[in-house]
Each structure stands twice: as C-alpha cells, then as structure tokens.
Amino acid sequence: MRISGLVVLGILIAGCGGDGSGPADPVPASLVGTWVAQPSCSPACSFTLTSVANPNAHIDLIAAPSSATIQLALTADGAAVLSLFGQTVLGTAAATGSTLMLGSSGQVDTLDYVIMSNGYLDLTFRSALPSPIDFNGDQLADPAYGRAVMKKQ
C-alpha cells in the first residue's frame, strides 16, 4: 500500500466527488470548535481510508506508522479550516440534520456526522474519494471511502 501524503488534504476539502451544491445553512453549536484526530488520541481517534474495490483493504492515517494529525475548525458562521500533513485549506461549512457539507474552490463534499456519546465527532464521506493510496500494489491510486473520528480540543 502506497500513499502520497500531501495529496490527501486537497482531496478532502477541494473536490472529493461532491454533489456541487453549496453550503447554505449555518453550523450548529454542537459542531462549532476545533476537532482533532492525532496519534495521542488513537485508537479512539482515527482517519481511515477504505478501498472501494476491496473493503478489507484500509489504512488509518492517524495510527502508526503514518502518525498524521488532522484538524477541522468550524465556526457558527460557516467558516472551515482543515489541516493535514502541515498543509491548511480554508473553506466553508454548513450542516442540516446529520449532514455536514464542506466546500472549497467551488467543490462541495457531503458527509454524515454523529456526535457520539463520548463527545467524539464521527464523520463519514458519502462519496468515494479519489484517494492517493495504492491499495492493490499496481502503482495507481485507488478510490476510497473516508471516515474520521475526532475529539474536540
């Protein structure tokens, strides 16, 4: 399995096969704040990419040896800041019911979210991501489903 690390950030917020409609609703108070998944909160925190072709093939970018930190900051007025691998992308956010939309550069990604009983945020991308990971060893990046479990700072 091979990963081109810096590519992940751009994929997450700037065009992951979103639905093209823009965020319109504000972010609820329960989502406002800075959410983080990092090695120090693993295994409770995670950022997992799972192969579309083979659901048994997955990688957690928070767990060793990857040891990445992903941070998502959301404001009530819809601003979003996503940081991963030392790179930062500014965008917009909106939520309706259990749906969160993240947008940047004219692209919108739709995620399902749940604030779990332990206070962690569970985010699942609805669309497959054009992942930078080669799950099957053919030297080509393979699409993946994304899921992040993050704690509030």
N, C-alpha and C. Protein backbone atom coordinates (compact mmCIF):
# COMPACT_ATOMS: atom_id res chain seq x y z
N MET A 1 0.85 -1.17 0.00
CA MET A 1 0.00 0.00 0.00
C MET A 1 0.89 1.23 0.00
N ARG A 2 0.64 2.18 -0.88
CA ARG A 2 1.45 3.38 -1.02
C ARG A 2 0.58 4.61 -0.89
N ILE A 3 1.10 5.64 -0.22
CA ILE A 3 0.34 6.87 -0.06
C ILE A 3 1.18 8.07 -0.45
N SER A 4 0.59 8.98 -1.15
CA SER A 4 1.20 10.26 -1.47
C SER A 4 0.60 11.26 -0.50
N GLY A 5 1.20 11.41 0.66
CA GLY A 5 0.64 12.11 1.79
C GLY A 5 0.06 13.47 1.57
N LEU A 6 0.77 14.39 0.94
CA LEU A 6 0.28 15.76 0.82
C LEU A 6 -0.95 15.86 -0.07
N VAL A 7 -1.16 14.88 -0.92
CA VAL A 7 -2.31 14.92 -1.82
C VAL A 7 -3.62 14.75 -1.04
N VAL A 8 -3.59 14.06 0.11
CA VAL A 8 -4.81 13.78 0.87
C VAL A 8 -5.55 15.06 1.24
N LEU A 9 -4.86 16.08 1.68
CA LEU A 9 -5.51 17.30 2.13
C LEU A 9 -6.34 17.94 1.03
N GLY A 10 -5.78 18.11 -0.13
CA GLY A 10 -6.53 18.70 -1.23
C GLY A 10 -7.75 17.88 -1.59
N ILE A 11 -7.63 16.59 -1.53
CA ILE A 11 -8.74 15.69 -1.85
C ILE A 11 -9.89 15.89 -0.86
N LEU A 12 -9.55 16.05 0.40
CA LEU A 12 -10.59 16.08 1.43
C LEU A 12 -11.53 17.26 1.33
N ILE A 13 -11.00 18.42 1.00
CA ILE A 13 -11.88 19.58 1.04
C ILE A 13 -12.02 20.28 -0.31
N ALA A 14 -11.27 19.86 -1.31
CA ALA A 14 -11.30 20.59 -2.58
C ALA A 14 -11.73 19.73 -3.74
N GLY A 15 -12.71 18.87 -3.51
CA GLY A 15 -13.21 18.15 -4.66
C GLY A 15 -13.18 16.66 -4.54
N CYS A 16 -13.90 16.10 -3.63
CA CYS A 16 -13.93 14.67 -3.40
C CYS A 16 -15.15 14.04 -4.04
N GLY A 17 -15.58 14.55 -5.16
CA GLY A 17 -16.76 13.97 -5.79
C GLY A 17 -18.03 14.44 -5.15
N GLY A 18 -18.04 15.67 -4.67
CA GLY A 18 -19.21 16.20 -4.01
C GLY A 18 -20.38 16.41 -4.95
N ASP A 19 -21.47 16.89 -4.41
CA ASP A 19 -22.69 16.99 -5.19
C ASP A 19 -22.84 18.33 -5.92
N GLY A 20 -21.90 19.27 -5.70
CA GLY A 20 -21.92 20.52 -6.45
C GLY A 20 -22.79 21.62 -5.86
N SER A 21 -23.69 21.31 -4.93
CA SER A 21 -24.50 22.36 -4.31
C SER A 21 -23.71 22.96 -3.16
N GLY A 22 -23.85 24.24 -2.93
CA GLY A 22 -23.06 24.91 -1.91
C GLY A 22 -23.70 24.90 -0.54
N PRO A 23 -22.86 25.02 0.50
CA PRO A 23 -23.38 25.11 1.85
C PRO A 23 -24.31 26.32 1.99
N ALA A 24 -25.43 26.12 2.66
CA ALA A 24 -26.40 27.20 2.80
C ALA A 24 -26.79 27.46 4.25
N ASP A 25 -26.69 26.46 5.12
CA ASP A 25 -27.12 26.59 6.50
C ASP A 25 -25.91 26.79 7.40
N PRO A 26 -26.12 27.44 8.55
CA PRO A 26 -25.01 27.64 9.49
C PRO A 26 -24.62 26.32 10.18
N VAL A 27 -23.52 26.39 10.87
CA VAL A 27 -23.02 25.25 11.62
C VAL A 27 -23.62 25.29 13.03
N PRO A 28 -24.24 24.19 13.50
CA PRO A 28 -24.83 24.19 14.83
C PRO A 28 -23.77 24.26 15.93
N ALA A 29 -24.16 24.75 17.09
CA ALA A 29 -23.24 24.92 18.22
C ALA A 29 -22.51 23.63 18.57
N SER A 30 -23.18 22.49 18.42
CA SER A 30 -22.54 21.22 18.78
C SER A 30 -21.34 20.89 17.89
N LEU A 31 -21.26 21.49 16.69
CA LEU A 31 -20.14 21.25 15.78
C LEU A 31 -19.09 22.36 15.81
N VAL A 32 -19.44 23.51 16.34
CA VAL A 32 -18.52 24.65 16.37
C VAL A 32 -17.34 24.32 17.27
N GLY A 33 -16.15 24.62 16.78
CA GLY A 33 -14.94 24.40 17.56
C GLY A 33 -13.88 23.73 16.71
N THR A 34 -12.82 23.31 17.36
CA THR A 34 -11.72 22.65 16.69
C THR A 34 -11.72 21.18 17.06
N TRP A 35 -11.79 20.36 16.03
CA TRP A 35 -11.82 18.90 16.17
C TRP A 35 -10.49 18.35 15.68
N VAL A 36 -9.96 17.36 16.38
CA VAL A 36 -8.65 16.84 16.01
C VAL A 36 -8.61 15.32 16.15
N ALA A 37 -7.89 14.70 15.25
CA ALA A 37 -7.55 13.28 15.35
C ALA A 37 -6.04 13.21 15.21
N GLN A 38 -5.39 12.67 16.21
CA GLN A 38 -3.94 12.59 16.22
C GLN A 38 -3.50 11.34 16.95
N PRO A 39 -2.25 10.95 16.80
CA PRO A 39 -1.79 9.70 17.41
C PRO A 39 -2.04 9.62 18.91
N SER A 40 -1.96 10.74 19.63
CA SER A 40 -2.14 10.69 21.09
C SER A 40 -3.57 10.30 21.50
N CYS A 41 -4.54 10.42 20.62
CA CYS A 41 -5.90 10.00 20.99
C CYS A 41 -6.31 8.72 20.26
N SER A 42 -5.37 8.09 19.56
CA SER A 42 -5.64 6.81 18.90
C SER A 42 -5.62 5.71 19.96
N PRO A 43 -6.47 4.73 19.96
CA PRO A 43 -7.32 4.32 18.85
C PRO A 43 -8.72 4.95 18.84
N ALA A 44 -9.05 5.77 19.86
CA ALA A 44 -10.39 6.39 19.86
C ALA A 44 -10.55 7.30 18.65
N CYS A 45 -9.48 8.01 18.28
CA CYS A 45 -9.49 8.86 17.09
C CYS A 45 -8.94 8.06 15.91
N SER A 46 -9.44 8.40 14.73
CA SER A 46 -8.93 7.73 13.53
C SER A 46 -9.24 8.58 12.31
N PHE A 47 -8.51 8.33 11.25
CA PHE A 47 -8.84 8.85 9.94
C PHE A 47 -8.55 7.72 8.97
N THR A 48 -9.59 7.02 8.56
CA THR A 48 -9.45 5.79 7.81
C THR A 48 -9.90 5.97 6.37
N LEU A 49 -9.09 5.46 5.44
CA LEU A 49 -9.46 5.36 4.04
C LEU A 49 -9.61 3.88 3.74
N THR A 50 -10.76 3.49 3.17
CA THR A 50 -11.07 2.10 2.85
C THR A 50 -11.27 1.97 1.35
N SER A 51 -10.59 1.00 0.76
CA SER A 51 -10.67 0.78 -0.68
C SER A 51 -12.10 0.52 -1.12
N VAL A 52 -12.51 1.17 -2.20
CA VAL A 52 -13.83 0.92 -2.78
C VAL A 52 -13.89 -0.50 -3.33
N ALA A 53 -12.83 -0.93 -4.00
CA ALA A 53 -12.80 -2.25 -4.64
C ALA A 53 -12.67 -3.39 -3.64
N ASN A 54 -12.00 -3.15 -2.51
CA ASN A 54 -11.77 -4.20 -1.53
C ASN A 54 -11.95 -3.63 -0.13
N PRO A 55 -13.15 -3.74 0.45
CA PRO A 55 -13.41 -3.16 1.77
C PRO A 55 -12.52 -3.71 2.89
N ASN A 56 -11.82 -4.80 2.64
CA ASN A 56 -10.89 -5.32 3.64
C ASN A 56 -9.56 -4.59 3.61
N ALA A 57 -9.32 -3.78 2.58
CA ALA A 57 -8.08 -3.01 2.46
C ALA A 57 -8.35 -1.59 2.97
N HIS A 58 -7.66 -1.21 4.02
CA HIS A 58 -7.84 0.13 4.59
C HIS A 58 -6.58 0.57 5.28
N ILE A 59 -6.48 1.87 5.50
CA ILE A 59 -5.35 2.43 6.21
C ILE A 59 -5.87 3.53 7.13
N ASP A 60 -5.36 3.54 8.36
CA ASP A 60 -5.68 4.60 9.31
C ASP A 60 -4.50 5.56 9.31
N LEU A 61 -4.70 6.77 8.82
CA LEU A 61 -3.62 7.73 8.70
C LEU A 61 -3.19 8.32 10.04
N ILE A 62 -3.94 8.03 11.10
CA ILE A 62 -3.58 8.51 12.43
C ILE A 62 -2.69 7.50 13.13
N ALA A 63 -2.94 6.23 12.89
CA ALA A 63 -2.20 5.15 13.55
C ALA A 63 -0.79 5.02 12.98
N ALA A 64 0.11 4.48 13.80
CA ALA A 64 1.49 4.24 13.35
C ALA A 64 1.46 3.27 12.17
N PRO A 65 2.31 3.37 11.21
CA PRO A 65 3.44 4.29 11.17
C PRO A 65 3.11 5.64 10.55
N SER A 66 1.88 5.88 10.14
CA SER A 66 1.53 7.14 9.48
C SER A 66 1.64 8.33 10.42
N SER A 67 1.01 8.27 11.57
CA SER A 67 1.09 9.29 12.61
C SER A 67 0.77 10.70 12.15
N ALA A 68 -0.25 10.85 11.31
CA ALA A 68 -0.70 12.16 10.86
C ALA A 68 -1.59 12.80 11.92
N THR A 69 -1.76 14.10 11.80
CA THR A 69 -2.74 14.82 12.61
C THR A 69 -3.67 15.52 11.64
N ILE A 70 -4.97 15.33 11.85
CA ILE A 70 -5.97 16.04 11.04
C ILE A 70 -6.74 16.95 11.98
N GLN A 71 -6.95 18.19 11.56
CA GLN A 71 -7.65 19.16 12.38
C GLN A 71 -8.70 19.85 11.54
N LEU A 72 -9.90 19.96 12.07
CA LEU A 72 -11.01 20.63 11.40
C LEU A 72 -11.58 21.66 12.36
N ALA A 73 -11.51 22.93 11.97
CA ALA A 73 -12.07 24.01 12.79
C ALA A 73 -13.31 24.54 12.08
N LEU A 74 -14.42 24.61 12.81
CA LEU A 74 -15.69 25.09 12.26
C LEU A 74 -16.21 26.25 13.10
N THR A 75 -16.75 27.27 12.43
CA THR A 75 -17.34 28.39 13.13
C THR A 75 -18.85 28.42 12.86
N ALA A 76 -19.58 29.11 13.72
CA ALA A 76 -21.03 29.18 13.58
C ALA A 76 -21.45 29.88 12.28
N ASP A 77 -20.59 30.76 11.77
CA ASP A 77 -20.95 31.48 10.54
C ASP A 77 -20.55 30.73 9.27
N GLY A 78 -20.05 29.49 9.41
CA GLY A 78 -19.80 28.66 8.25
C GLY A 78 -18.38 28.63 7.72
N ALA A 79 -17.43 29.18 8.46
CA ALA A 79 -16.03 29.08 8.02
C ALA A 79 -15.47 27.72 8.44
N ALA A 80 -14.62 27.15 7.60
CA ALA A 80 -13.98 25.87 7.89
C ALA A 80 -12.49 25.98 7.57
N VAL A 81 -11.68 25.39 8.45
CA VAL A 81 -10.25 25.31 8.23
C VAL A 81 -9.86 23.86 8.46
N LEU A 82 -9.27 23.24 7.44
CA LEU A 82 -8.85 21.85 7.53
C LEU A 82 -7.34 21.80 7.39
N SER A 83 -6.68 21.12 8.34
CA SER A 83 -5.23 20.98 8.31
C SER A 83 -4.85 19.51 8.37
N LEU A 84 -3.90 19.12 7.52
CA LEU A 84 -3.40 17.75 7.48
C LEU A 84 -2.01 17.77 6.86
N PHE A 85 -1.09 17.01 7.43
CA PHE A 85 0.28 16.93 6.93
C PHE A 85 0.92 18.31 6.82
N GLY A 86 0.60 19.22 7.76
CA GLY A 86 1.19 20.54 7.77
C GLY A 86 0.65 21.50 6.72
N GLN A 87 -0.36 21.08 5.98
CA GLN A 87 -0.98 21.93 4.96
C GLN A 87 -2.37 22.35 5.46
N THR A 88 -2.79 23.55 5.08
CA THR A 88 -4.08 24.08 5.52
C THR A 88 -4.91 24.55 4.34
N VAL A 89 -6.21 24.24 4.37
CA VAL A 89 -7.15 24.67 3.34
C VAL A 89 -8.28 25.43 4.03
N LEU A 90 -8.62 26.61 3.53
CA LEU A 90 -9.74 27.39 4.04
C LEU A 90 -10.95 27.09 3.18
N GLY A 91 -12.12 27.00 3.81
CA GLY A 91 -13.32 26.72 3.05
C GLY A 91 -14.56 27.14 3.81
N THR A 92 -15.68 26.51 3.45
CA THR A 92 -16.95 26.80 4.09
C THR A 92 -17.54 25.51 4.64
N ALA A 93 -18.46 25.68 5.59
CA ALA A 93 -19.14 24.54 6.19
C ALA A 93 -20.59 24.89 6.44
N ALA A 94 -21.44 23.90 6.36
CA ALA A 94 -22.86 24.06 6.67
C ALA A 94 -23.38 22.71 7.11
N ALA A 95 -24.40 22.73 7.95
CA ALA A 95 -24.98 21.48 8.44
C ALA A 95 -26.49 21.56 8.42
N THR A 96 -27.10 20.44 8.06
CA THR A 96 -28.54 20.27 8.10
C THR A 96 -28.79 18.87 8.65
N GLY A 97 -29.51 18.80 9.76
CA GLY A 97 -29.74 17.48 10.35
C GLY A 97 -28.41 16.84 10.69
N SER A 98 -28.17 15.63 10.19
CA SER A 98 -26.91 14.93 10.45
C SER A 98 -25.98 14.99 9.24
N THR A 99 -26.18 16.00 8.39
CA THR A 99 -25.37 16.18 7.19
C THR A 99 -24.49 17.41 7.34
N LEU A 100 -23.20 17.25 7.06
CA LEU A 100 -22.25 18.35 7.06
C LEU A 100 -21.71 18.50 5.65
N MET A 101 -21.69 19.72 5.16
CA MET A 101 -21.12 19.99 3.84
C MET A 101 -19.88 20.85 4.01
N LEU A 102 -18.77 20.42 3.39
CA LEU A 102 -17.53 21.17 3.40
C LEU A 102 -17.24 21.61 1.98
N GLY A 103 -16.91 22.88 1.79
CA GLY A 103 -16.67 23.38 0.45
C GLY A 103 -15.40 24.18 0.36
N SER A 104 -14.77 24.10 -0.82
CA SER A 104 -13.60 24.90 -1.12
C SER A 104 -13.38 24.87 -2.63
N SER A 105 -12.94 25.96 -3.18
CA SER A 105 -12.62 26.05 -4.61
C SER A 105 -13.78 25.60 -5.49
N GLY A 106 -15.00 25.92 -5.10
CA GLY A 106 -16.17 25.60 -5.90
C GLY A 106 -16.65 24.16 -5.80
N GLN A 107 -16.01 23.34 -5.00
CA GLN A 107 -16.41 21.95 -4.80
C GLN A 107 -17.03 21.79 -3.41
N VAL A 108 -18.00 20.88 -3.31
CA VAL A 108 -18.65 20.63 -2.02
C VAL A 108 -18.65 19.12 -1.78
N ASP A 109 -18.27 18.75 -0.57
CA ASP A 109 -18.32 17.35 -0.17
C ASP A 109 -19.35 17.19 0.93
N THR A 110 -20.14 16.14 0.82
CA THR A 110 -21.20 15.88 1.79
C THR A 110 -20.77 14.73 2.70
N LEU A 111 -20.92 14.95 3.99
CA LEU A 111 -20.54 13.95 4.99
C LEU A 111 -21.71 13.73 5.93
N ASP A 112 -21.81 12.52 6.46
CA ASP A 112 -22.74 12.24 7.55
C ASP A 112 -21.96 12.42 8.83
N TYR A 113 -22.59 13.02 9.84
CA TYR A 113 -21.88 13.18 11.10
C TYR A 113 -22.75 12.75 12.27
N VAL A 114 -22.06 12.29 13.30
CA VAL A 114 -22.69 11.92 14.56
C VAL A 114 -21.77 12.40 15.67
N ILE A 115 -22.33 13.06 16.66
CA ILE A 115 -21.55 13.34 17.86
C ILE A 115 -21.86 12.20 18.81
N MET A 116 -20.86 11.38 19.05
CA MET A 116 -21.04 10.15 19.82
C MET A 116 -21.19 10.45 21.30
N SER A 117 -21.63 9.46 22.05
CA SER A 117 -21.88 9.64 23.48
C SER A 117 -20.62 10.05 24.24
N ASN A 118 -19.43 9.69 23.73
CA ASN A 118 -18.19 10.09 24.40
C ASN A 118 -17.74 11.50 23.99
N GLY A 119 -18.54 12.19 23.16
CA GLY A 119 -18.23 13.54 22.74
C GLY A 119 -17.39 13.63 21.47
N TYR A 120 -17.01 12.50 20.91
CA TYR A 120 -16.22 12.49 19.69
C TYR A 120 -17.12 12.71 18.48
N LEU A 121 -16.54 13.28 17.43
CA LEU A 121 -17.25 13.53 16.18
C LEU A 121 -16.89 12.43 15.19
N ASP A 122 -17.90 11.77 14.66
CA ASP A 122 -17.70 10.71 13.66
C ASP A 122 -18.18 11.25 12.32
N LEU A 123 -17.27 11.40 11.37
CA LEU A 123 -17.57 11.92 10.03
C LEU A 123 -17.37 10.82 8.99
N THR A 124 -18.37 10.63 8.13
CA THR A 124 -18.26 9.64 7.05
C THR A 124 -18.58 10.34 5.73
N PHE A 125 -17.62 10.27 4.80
CA PHE A 125 -17.84 10.85 3.48
C PHE A 125 -18.88 10.02 2.73
N ARG A 126 -19.85 10.67 2.11
CA ARG A 126 -20.88 9.96 1.34
C ARG A 126 -20.37 9.46 0.00
N SER A 127 -19.44 10.17 -0.59
CA SER A 127 -18.88 9.79 -1.89
C SER A 127 -17.48 9.23 -1.72
N ALA A 128 -17.10 8.36 -2.64
CA ALA A 128 -15.73 7.85 -2.63
C ALA A 128 -14.77 8.99 -2.94
N LEU A 129 -13.62 8.95 -2.32
CA LEU A 129 -12.58 9.95 -2.52
C LEU A 129 -11.60 9.45 -3.58
N PRO A 130 -11.10 10.33 -4.43
CA PRO A 130 -10.05 9.91 -5.36
C PRO A 130 -8.74 9.81 -4.58
N SER A 131 -8.63 8.78 -3.78
CA SER A 131 -7.56 8.58 -2.82
C SER A 131 -6.17 8.56 -3.45
N PRO A 132 -5.16 9.05 -2.73
CA PRO A 132 -3.78 8.97 -3.21
C PRO A 132 -3.12 7.64 -2.84
N ILE A 133 -3.89 6.70 -2.35
CA ILE A 133 -3.33 5.44 -1.86
C ILE A 133 -3.45 4.34 -2.91
N ASP A 134 -2.37 3.60 -3.05
CA ASP A 134 -2.34 2.43 -3.92
C ASP A 134 -2.62 1.22 -3.04
N PHE A 135 -3.87 0.79 -2.98
CA PHE A 135 -4.26 -0.32 -2.12
C PHE A 135 -3.83 -1.68 -2.66
N ASN A 136 -3.76 -1.82 -3.98
CA ASN A 136 -3.54 -3.14 -4.56
C ASN A 136 -2.15 -3.34 -5.18
N GLY A 137 -1.25 -2.37 -5.03
CA GLY A 137 0.11 -2.53 -5.48
C GLY A 137 0.34 -2.40 -6.97
N ASP A 138 -0.61 -1.82 -7.70
CA ASP A 138 -0.45 -1.69 -9.16
C ASP A 138 0.17 -0.34 -9.57
N GLN A 139 0.67 0.42 -8.59
CA GLN A 139 1.30 1.72 -8.82
C GLN A 139 0.32 2.81 -9.24
N LEU A 140 -0.99 2.56 -9.07
CA LEU A 140 -2.02 3.55 -9.37
C LEU A 140 -2.82 3.84 -8.11
N ALA A 141 -3.20 5.09 -7.93
CA ALA A 141 -4.03 5.46 -6.78
C ALA A 141 -5.41 4.85 -6.95
N ASP A 142 -5.99 4.39 -5.84
CA ASP A 142 -7.30 3.74 -5.86
C ASP A 142 -8.32 4.55 -5.07
N PRO A 143 -9.56 4.66 -5.57
CA PRO A 143 -10.60 5.40 -4.83
C PRO A 143 -10.87 4.73 -3.49
N ALA A 144 -11.28 5.56 -2.53
CA ALA A 144 -11.51 5.07 -1.18
C ALA A 144 -12.66 5.81 -0.52
N TYR A 145 -13.29 5.16 0.45
CA TYR A 145 -14.27 5.81 1.31
C TYR A 145 -13.52 6.35 2.52
N GLY A 146 -13.89 7.54 2.97
CA GLY A 146 -13.22 8.16 4.10
C GLY A 146 -14.09 8.23 5.33
N ARG A 147 -13.45 8.07 6.49
CA ARG A 147 -14.13 8.20 7.78
C ARG A 147 -13.14 8.75 8.80
N ALA A 148 -13.57 9.76 9.55
CA ALA A 148 -12.72 10.34 10.59
C ALA A 148 -13.49 10.34 11.91
N VAL A 149 -12.79 9.98 12.97
CA VAL A 149 -13.33 10.09 14.32
C VAL A 149 -12.38 11.06 15.05
N MET A 150 -12.97 12.19 15.51
CA MET A 150 -12.17 13.28 16.05
C MET A 150 -12.69 13.71 17.41
N LYS A 151 -11.76 14.23 18.25
CA LYS A 151 -12.19 14.78 19.54
C LYS A 151 -12.08 16.29 19.51
N LYS A 152 -12.91 16.93 20.33
CA LYS A 152 -12.93 18.39 20.40
C LYS A 152 -11.80 18.86 21.30
N GLN A 153 -11.08 19.87 20.82
CA GLN A 153 -10.00 20.43 21.63
C GLN A 153 -10.54 21.44 22.60
